[in-house]
Amino acid sequence: MNLHLVSDATGETLNSIARATVSQFEHVSIVYHRWSLIRTRFQLHRVLEGIEGEPGPVLSTLVEKSLRAELESFCHRLGVAVLNVLDPVMEMFQEQFGEQAGARPGRQYVLDADYFRRIDAMHYVLAHDDGQQQAGIAAADVLLVGVSRSSKTPTSFYLANRGIKAANIPLVPGAPEPPGLEAPPGPVVGLTIDPDALIEIRRHRLVVMGAAAPGRQSGDYVDREAVESELVWARRLCTRHGWPVIDVTRRSIEETAAAVLQHMDAWHKRHSPPDSGPLPASLP
């Protein structure tokens, strides 16, 4: 089945909604047609031609009234279902806020303080990936620790897109405990993973690199007994320090990041005075 996603911005909202809902249907095959940055009648006419050529339901986030009306009228004439997914939320907010919503496309992507906070967080993650630049750890919003290939880096980058400065620090058995962890500036969260899954990831990594992991013998890096011992050691280290641990084995990066945010929220509630006000802006 064809599914048309029509947006006047990047289309990320529609992509997320479509992905979340379609995943609930096991026996449906979807062909996505993504139409982004649709802000003029000329651009919309390309969309209408595409819908007519490959008919299918339409999800829209268009906010400009004339474009919305033309899209809806065309779909009704064609007998194609169309839904503006923002309408129910917009109507509820208008009622609750007592204010009429504006109709400005891409309003969520303005270059405001939040935008530059995300850019700053991305630069921070790049500079502090895998234990780099230990001196800057004091500025971290959260520290992610775990053995090699336990999803620390991708989780850090996902958090950076939420404006979170995440420093990730590798835990290596036999090596001195990384500096900065004895008095961390914020919450420390451990990431762990099933041994079999970790071995498979590491084997793939070795194939990609065409060599053993730096500083290790490839046999120890993927040896089951050595990997199990490494994971047990890392978990015990986290337990000794009282750091929460997230098992990433069956979690997506998005789910892992959501769990990290929950631990950050709990940490700030424990470490903030009752009358200290809202949590830091870095927490969405």
Protein backbone atom coordinates (compact mmCIF):
# COMPACT_ATOMS: atom_id res chain seq x y z
CA MET A 1 0.00 0.00 0.00
CA ASN A 2 1.17 3.52 -0.78
CA LEU A 3 1.42 6.02 2.09
CA HIS A 4 2.05 9.69 1.34
CA LEU A 5 3.64 11.90 4.00
CA VAL A 6 3.22 15.58 3.15
CA SER A 7 5.06 18.15 5.25
CA ASP A 8 5.92 21.84 5.01
CA ALA A 9 9.06 21.19 7.08
CA THR A 10 11.52 18.28 7.29
CA GLY A 11 8.87 15.60 7.68
CA GLU A 12 10.39 14.14 10.86
CA THR A 13 7.11 14.39 12.75
CA LEU A 14 5.28 12.40 10.09
CA ASN A 15 8.09 9.87 9.81
CA SER A 16 7.92 9.21 13.55
CA ILE A 17 4.12 8.93 13.61
CA ALA A 18 4.04 6.66 10.58
CA ARG A 19 6.83 4.44 11.92
CA ALA A 20 5.16 4.12 15.33
CA THR A 21 1.73 3.24 13.92
CA VAL A 22 2.72 1.05 10.98
CA SER A 23 4.86 -1.09 13.30
CA GLN A 24 1.63 -2.29 14.93
CA PHE A 25 0.48 -3.95 11.69
CA GLU A 26 2.34 -7.19 10.99
CA HIS A 27 0.84 -8.10 7.64
CA VAL A 28 0.93 -4.80 5.78
CA SER A 29 3.62 -3.78 3.30
CA ILE A 30 4.00 0.00 3.01
CA VAL A 31 5.58 2.02 0.22
CA TYR A 32 6.43 5.43 1.67
CA HIS A 33 6.26 8.58 -0.44
CA ARG A 34 7.83 11.45 1.50
CA TRP A 35 7.10 15.02 0.41
CA SER A 36 8.96 17.57 2.52
CA LEU A 37 9.31 21.38 2.49
CA ILE A 38 6.02 21.80 0.61
CA ARG A 39 5.31 25.53 0.98
CA THR A 40 4.05 26.74 -2.41
CA ARG A 41 1.24 25.76 -4.78
CA PHE A 42 3.79 24.75 -7.39
CA GLN A 43 5.41 22.34 -4.93
CA LEU A 44 2.03 21.03 -3.85
CA HIS A 45 1.02 20.26 -7.45
CA ARG A 46 3.98 17.86 -7.68
CA VAL A 47 2.60 16.15 -4.60
CA LEU A 48 -0.89 15.91 -6.05
CA GLU A 49 0.48 14.37 -9.25
CA GLY A 50 2.35 11.83 -7.14
CA ILE A 51 -0.76 10.94 -5.13
CA GLU A 52 -2.81 10.57 -8.32
CA GLY A 53 -0.16 8.38 -9.92
CA GLU A 54 0.20 6.11 -6.88
CA PRO A 55 -2.97 6.52 -4.79
CA GLY A 56 -2.86 5.82 -1.07
CA PRO A 57 -3.74 7.43 2.24
CA VAL A 58 -2.18 10.79 3.03
CA LEU A 59 -0.80 12.06 6.32
CA SER A 60 -0.14 15.79 6.39
CA THR A 61 1.32 18.44 8.67
CA LEU A 62 0.66 21.38 6.33
CA VAL A 63 -0.35 24.46 8.33
CA GLU A 64 -0.90 26.99 5.51
CA LYS A 65 -4.68 27.07 5.07
CA SER A 66 -4.90 27.38 1.29
CA LEU A 67 -2.44 24.51 0.72
CA ARG A 68 -4.27 22.33 3.23
CA ALA A 69 -7.60 23.07 1.60
CA GLU A 70 -6.29 22.24 -1.88
CA LEU A 71 -4.72 18.97 -0.68
CA GLU A 72 -7.86 17.90 1.17
CA SER A 73 -10.16 18.83 -1.74
CA PHE A 74 -7.99 16.91 -4.21
CA CYS A 75 -7.86 13.81 -1.99
CA HIS A 76 -11.63 13.84 -1.49
CA ARG A 77 -12.23 14.03 -5.24
CA LEU A 78 -9.78 11.16 -5.74
CA GLY A 79 -11.40 9.11 -2.97
CA VAL A 80 -8.17 9.01 -0.96
CA ALA A 81 -8.14 9.29 2.82
CA VAL A 82 -6.30 12.33 4.16
CA LEU A 83 -5.52 13.27 7.77
CA ASN A 84 -3.79 16.33 9.17
CA VAL A 85 -2.15 14.74 12.19
CA LEU A 86 -1.56 18.01 14.08
CA ASP A 87 -5.24 19.03 14.17
CA PRO A 88 -6.39 17.14 17.32
CA VAL A 89 -3.40 18.37 19.36
CA MET A 90 -3.65 21.90 17.95
CA GLU A 91 -7.36 22.11 18.75
CA MET A 92 -6.83 20.88 22.31
CA PHE A 93 -4.01 23.36 22.90
CA GLN A 94 -6.02 26.26 21.47
CA GLU A 95 -8.81 25.40 23.89
CA GLN A 96 -6.44 25.02 26.84
CA PHE A 97 -4.25 28.04 26.09
CA GLY A 98 -7.06 30.32 25.01
CA GLU A 99 -4.99 31.39 22.01
CA GLN A 100 -5.30 30.76 18.29
CA ALA A 101 -2.39 28.85 16.78
CA GLY A 102 -0.28 30.53 14.13
CA ALA A 103 0.15 29.02 10.68
CA ARG A 104 3.89 29.34 10.21
CA PRO A 105 5.61 26.38 8.51
CA GLY A 106 8.76 25.01 10.14
CA ARG A 107 8.24 27.06 13.30
CA GLN A 108 9.89 24.31 15.41
CA TYR A 109 13.15 24.71 13.48
CA VAL A 110 13.91 28.34 14.30
CA LEU A 111 17.53 29.15 15.20
CA ASP A 112 16.83 29.80 18.86
CA ALA A 113 18.73 29.02 22.07
CA ASP A 114 17.49 25.44 22.05
CA TYR A 115 18.85 24.91 18.53
CA PHE A 116 22.30 26.19 19.45
CA ARG A 117 22.23 24.14 22.64
CA ARG A 118 21.84 21.01 20.49
CA ILE A 119 24.71 22.07 18.24
CA ASP A 120 26.89 22.72 21.29
CA ALA A 121 26.00 19.29 22.69
CA MET A 122 26.94 17.64 19.38
CA HIS A 123 30.35 19.32 19.41
CA TYR A 124 30.79 18.22 23.01
CA VAL A 125 30.05 14.57 22.19
CA LEU A 126 32.52 14.63 19.31
CA ALA A 127 35.22 15.99 21.61
CA HIS A 128 34.50 13.59 24.48
CA ASP A 129 33.77 10.36 22.67
CA ASP A 130 35.40 7.22 24.08
CA GLY A 131 37.10 8.96 27.00
CA GLN A 132 38.69 11.80 25.03
CA GLN A 133 39.51 15.18 26.63
CA GLN A 134 39.06 14.15 30.25
CA ALA A 135 39.45 17.76 31.39
CA GLY A 136 36.10 18.67 29.85
CA ILE A 137 34.11 15.99 31.65
CA ALA A 138 33.16 18.51 34.34
CA ALA A 139 30.79 20.10 31.80
CA ALA A 140 28.95 16.83 31.07
CA ASP A 141 25.22 16.51 31.73
CA VAL A 142 25.59 12.73 31.94
CA LEU A 143 28.43 10.22 31.80
CA LEU A 144 27.86 6.91 30.02
CA VAL A 145 30.18 4.07 30.99
CA GLY A 146 30.49 0.54 29.65
CA VAL A 147 32.72 -1.96 27.93
CA SER A 148 33.74 -1.57 24.31
CA ARG A 149 30.86 -1.75 21.78
CA SER A 150 28.05 -1.39 24.32
CA SER A 151 26.31 1.43 22.38
CA LYS A 152 27.84 4.32 24.31
CA THR A 153 28.69 6.40 21.24
CA PRO A 154 25.40 6.16 19.31
CA THR A 155 23.45 6.80 22.52
CA SER A 156 25.59 9.87 23.21
CA PHE A 157 24.91 11.28 19.75
CA TYR A 158 21.20 10.67 20.08
CA LEU A 159 21.20 12.48 23.42
CA ALA A 160 23.17 15.34 21.85
CA ASN A 161 20.32 15.82 19.40
CA ARG A 162 18.18 16.45 22.48
CA GLY A 163 20.66 19.02 23.76
CA ILE A 164 22.31 16.68 26.29
CA LYS A 165 26.09 16.83 26.72
CA ALA A 166 26.96 13.16 27.13
CA ALA A 167 30.53 12.05 27.77
CA ASN A 168 31.09 8.36 27.19
CA ILE A 169 33.89 6.56 29.00
CA PRO A 170 35.12 3.03 28.21
CA LEU A 171 35.57 0.55 31.04
CA VAL A 172 38.59 -1.69 30.48
CA PRO A 173 39.42 -4.49 32.96
CA GLY A 174 42.92 -4.17 34.39
CA ALA A 175 43.22 -0.51 33.45
CA PRO A 176 43.12 2.27 36.06
CA GLU A 177 39.65 3.62 36.71
CA PRO A 178 39.10 6.53 34.29
CA PRO A 179 39.59 9.97 35.85
CA GLY A 180 36.50 12.03 36.42
CA LEU A 181 34.45 9.18 37.86
CA GLU A 182 35.58 9.58 41.45
CA ALA A 183 33.54 12.80 41.78
CA PRO A 184 31.33 12.98 38.68
CA PRO A 185 29.66 16.31 37.87
CA GLY A 186 26.35 14.62 37.12
CA PRO A 187 24.69 11.24 36.83
CA VAL A 188 26.72 8.23 35.69
CA VAL A 189 24.84 5.51 33.83
CA GLY A 190 26.29 2.13 32.93
CA LEU A 191 25.43 0.31 29.70
CA THR A 192 25.64 -3.46 29.51
CA ILE A 193 24.74 -6.07 26.89
CA ASP A 194 24.26 -9.80 26.49
CA PRO A 195 27.61 -11.61 25.89
CA ASP A 196 26.46 -13.29 22.66
CA ALA A 197 25.20 -10.01 21.21
CA LEU A 198 28.42 -8.25 22.22
CA ILE A 199 30.61 -10.95 20.66
CA GLU A 200 28.68 -10.69 17.41
CA ILE A 201 29.04 -6.89 17.34
CA ARG A 202 32.76 -7.11 18.09
CA ARG A 203 33.35 -9.75 15.42
CA HIS A 204 31.68 -7.53 12.87
CA ARG A 205 33.78 -4.62 14.07
CA LEU A 206 36.97 -6.62 13.61
CA VAL A 207 35.94 -7.54 10.07
CA VAL A 208 35.25 -3.88 9.25
CA MET A 209 38.56 -2.76 10.74
CA GLY A 210 40.45 -5.60 9.12
CA ALA A 211 42.52 -6.00 12.28
CA ALA A 212 42.34 -6.63 15.99
CA ALA A 213 40.88 -3.94 18.21
CA PRO A 214 43.52 -1.43 19.29
CA GLY A 215 45.42 -2.53 22.37
CA ARG A 216 43.89 -5.99 22.48
CA GLN A 217 44.34 -9.44 21.10
CA SER A 218 41.38 -10.20 18.89
CA GLY A 219 40.98 -13.57 20.62
CA ASP A 220 40.36 -11.96 24.04
CA TYR A 221 38.15 -9.34 22.43
CA VAL A 222 35.66 -11.95 21.20
CA ASP A 223 36.45 -14.93 23.45
CA ARG A 224 33.25 -15.83 25.28
CA GLU A 225 34.85 -16.46 28.67
CA ALA A 226 36.84 -13.23 28.47
CA VAL A 227 33.78 -11.24 27.35
CA GLU A 228 31.61 -12.64 30.14
CA SER A 229 34.31 -11.83 32.69
CA GLU A 230 34.61 -8.30 31.29
CA LEU A 231 30.87 -7.70 31.54
CA VAL A 232 30.68 -9.06 35.10
CA TRP A 233 33.59 -6.84 36.14
CA ALA A 234 31.97 -3.75 34.60
CA ARG A 235 28.61 -4.44 36.26
CA ARG A 236 30.27 -4.95 39.64
CA LEU A 237 32.09 -1.65 39.21
CA CYS A 238 28.79 0.11 38.55
CA THR A 239 27.17 -1.60 41.53
CA ARG A 240 30.04 -0.59 43.80
CA HIS A 241 29.60 3.04 42.83
CA GLY A 242 25.80 2.92 42.88
CA TRP A 243 25.47 3.72 39.19
CA PRO A 244 22.30 2.47 37.47
CA VAL A 245 22.83 0.02 34.62
CA ILE A 246 20.80 -0.28 31.41
CA ASP A 247 20.81 -3.53 29.43
CA VAL A 248 20.87 -2.42 25.78
CA THR A 249 20.61 -5.92 24.28
CA ARG A 250 17.03 -5.63 23.07
CA ARG A 251 16.71 -1.87 23.14
CA SER A 252 16.87 0.54 20.25
CA ILE A 253 19.11 3.59 20.65
CA GLU A 254 15.97 5.67 21.16
CA GLU A 255 14.80 3.40 24.00
CA THR A 256 18.23 3.42 25.63
CA ALA A 257 18.34 7.22 25.46
CA ALA A 258 14.87 7.43 27.00
CA ALA A 259 16.03 5.23 29.90
CA VAL A 260 19.11 7.44 30.35
CA LEU A 261 16.88 10.53 30.54
CA GLN A 262 14.78 8.84 33.22
CA HIS A 263 17.90 8.15 35.29
CA MET A 264 19.03 11.77 34.78
CA ASP A 265 15.65 12.99 35.97
CA ALA A 266 15.83 10.78 39.08
CA TRP A 267 19.42 11.92 39.81
CA HIS A 268 18.51 15.60 39.65
CA LYS A 269 15.50 15.07 41.90
CA ARG A 270 17.73 13.38 44.47
CA HIS A 271 20.43 16.06 44.30
CA SER A 272 18.28 19.19 44.09
CA PRO A 273 16.83 20.99 47.11
CA PRO A 274 13.00 20.76 47.33
CA ASP A 275 12.60 24.47 46.48
CA SER A 276 15.20 24.59 43.73
CA GLY A 277 12.67 24.96 40.91
CA PRO A 278 12.58 23.12 37.56
CA LEU A 279 15.23 20.72 36.32
CA PRO A 280 18.12 22.04 34.22
CA ALA A 281 17.29 23.09 30.66
CA SER A 282 19.39 20.21 29.32
CA LEU A 283 16.61 17.82 30.33
CA PRO A 284 13.87 17.89 27.69
